[in-house]
């Protein structure tokens, strides 16, 4: 997927590494144009995925990560602080 300039700057501003955004895209719950990797989803995935455990724990510390994509472009990314 193509990353917009906005997406890249928001990743830097919010301290979300590239690998964490990719994890949200791969394992996040899709809702329309969002991929949500919230704490509940992280806890569920921790039992299934051992090789990405440290990354999942980082996502849980942030409260989760949401990536918004439109067609083939990543638009923005933010922490889930619900």
Protein backbone atom coordinates (compact mmCIF):
# COMPACT_ATOMS: atom_id res chain seq x y z
CA UNK A 1 0.00 0.00 0.00
CA UNK A 2 1.07 3.55 -0.68
CA UNK A 3 1.69 5.80 2.32
CA UNK A 4 0.51 9.38 2.23
CA UNK A 5 2.73 12.16 3.53
CA UNK A 6 0.16 12.72 6.28
CA UNK A 7 0.43 9.07 7.36
CA UNK A 8 4.22 9.24 7.63
CA UNK A 9 4.20 12.45 9.64
CA UNK A 10 1.52 11.12 12.03
CA UNK A 11 3.57 7.97 12.62
CA UNK A 12 6.51 10.12 13.67
CA UNK A 13 4.42 12.48 15.81
CA UNK A 14 2.66 9.67 17.66
CA UNK A 15 5.67 7.40 18.09
CA UNK A 16 4.21 4.53 16.13
CA UNK A 17 6.91 2.45 14.43
CA UNK A 18 6.42 1.10 10.93
CA UNK A 19 6.25 -2.48 12.21
CA UNK A 20 3.37 -1.58 14.53
CA UNK A 21 1.36 -0.03 11.69
CA UNK A 22 2.01 -3.14 9.59
CA UNK A 23 0.88 -5.32 12.51
CA UNK A 24 -2.39 -3.37 12.73
CA UNK A 25 -2.95 -3.87 9.00
CA UNK A 26 -2.21 -7.59 9.21
CA UNK A 27 -4.04 -8.50 12.41
CA UNK A 28 -6.36 -5.59 13.12
CA UNK A 29 -10.14 -5.86 13.01
CA UNK A 30 -11.40 -4.25 9.77
CA UNK A 31 -14.24 -1.75 10.16
CA UNK A 32 -15.05 0.02 6.88
CA UNK A 33 -11.75 1.76 6.05
CA UNK A 34 -10.14 1.25 9.50
CA UNK A 35 -7.93 -1.54 10.81
CA UNK A 36 -8.27 -1.54 14.60
CA UNK A 37 -5.81 -3.38 16.79
CA UNK A 38 -7.19 -2.54 20.24
CA UNK A 39 -6.24 -4.01 23.61
CA UNK A 40 -8.85 -6.75 23.38
CA UNK A 41 -7.57 -7.82 19.96
CA UNK A 42 -3.96 -7.65 21.16
CA UNK A 43 -4.72 -9.86 24.16
CA UNK A 44 -6.42 -12.38 21.88
CA UNK A 45 -3.46 -12.40 19.48
CA UNK A 46 -0.83 -12.73 22.23
CA UNK A 47 -1.77 -16.38 22.69
CA UNK A 48 -1.67 -17.10 18.94
CA UNK A 49 1.42 -15.23 17.75
CA UNK A 50 4.65 -15.77 19.65
CA UNK A 51 7.12 -14.31 17.16
CA UNK A 52 5.53 -10.82 17.34
CA UNK A 53 4.98 -10.84 21.09
CA UNK A 54 7.13 -7.78 21.90
CA UNK A 55 5.41 -5.77 19.19
CA UNK A 56 1.97 -6.81 20.45
CA UNK A 57 2.94 -5.76 23.98
CA UNK A 58 4.03 -2.36 22.65
CA UNK A 59 0.64 -2.02 20.93
CA UNK A 60 -1.12 -2.87 24.20
CA UNK A 61 0.94 -0.25 26.07
CA UNK A 62 -0.27 2.35 23.58
CA UNK A 63 -3.86 1.25 24.12
CA UNK A 64 -3.93 -0.18 20.61
CA UNK A 65 -3.34 1.22 17.14
CA UNK A 66 -5.76 2.21 14.39
CA UNK A 67 -4.73 2.57 10.75
CA UNK A 68 -7.06 4.25 8.25
CA UNK A 69 -6.72 3.34 4.59
CA UNK A 70 -8.59 4.47 1.52
CA UNK A 71 -8.38 2.20 -1.53
CA UNK A 72 -4.62 1.51 -1.75
CA UNK A 73 -3.38 4.51 0.31
CA UNK A 74 -2.67 4.60 4.03
CA UNK A 75 -4.21 7.86 5.22
CA UNK A 76 -3.50 8.16 8.95
CA UNK A 77 -2.60 6.22 12.08
CA UNK A 78 -3.35 6.84 15.75
CA UNK A 79 -3.36 5.25 19.19
CA UNK A 80 -6.61 3.80 20.54
CA UNK A 81 -7.20 5.58 23.82
CA UNK A 82 -10.77 4.56 24.50
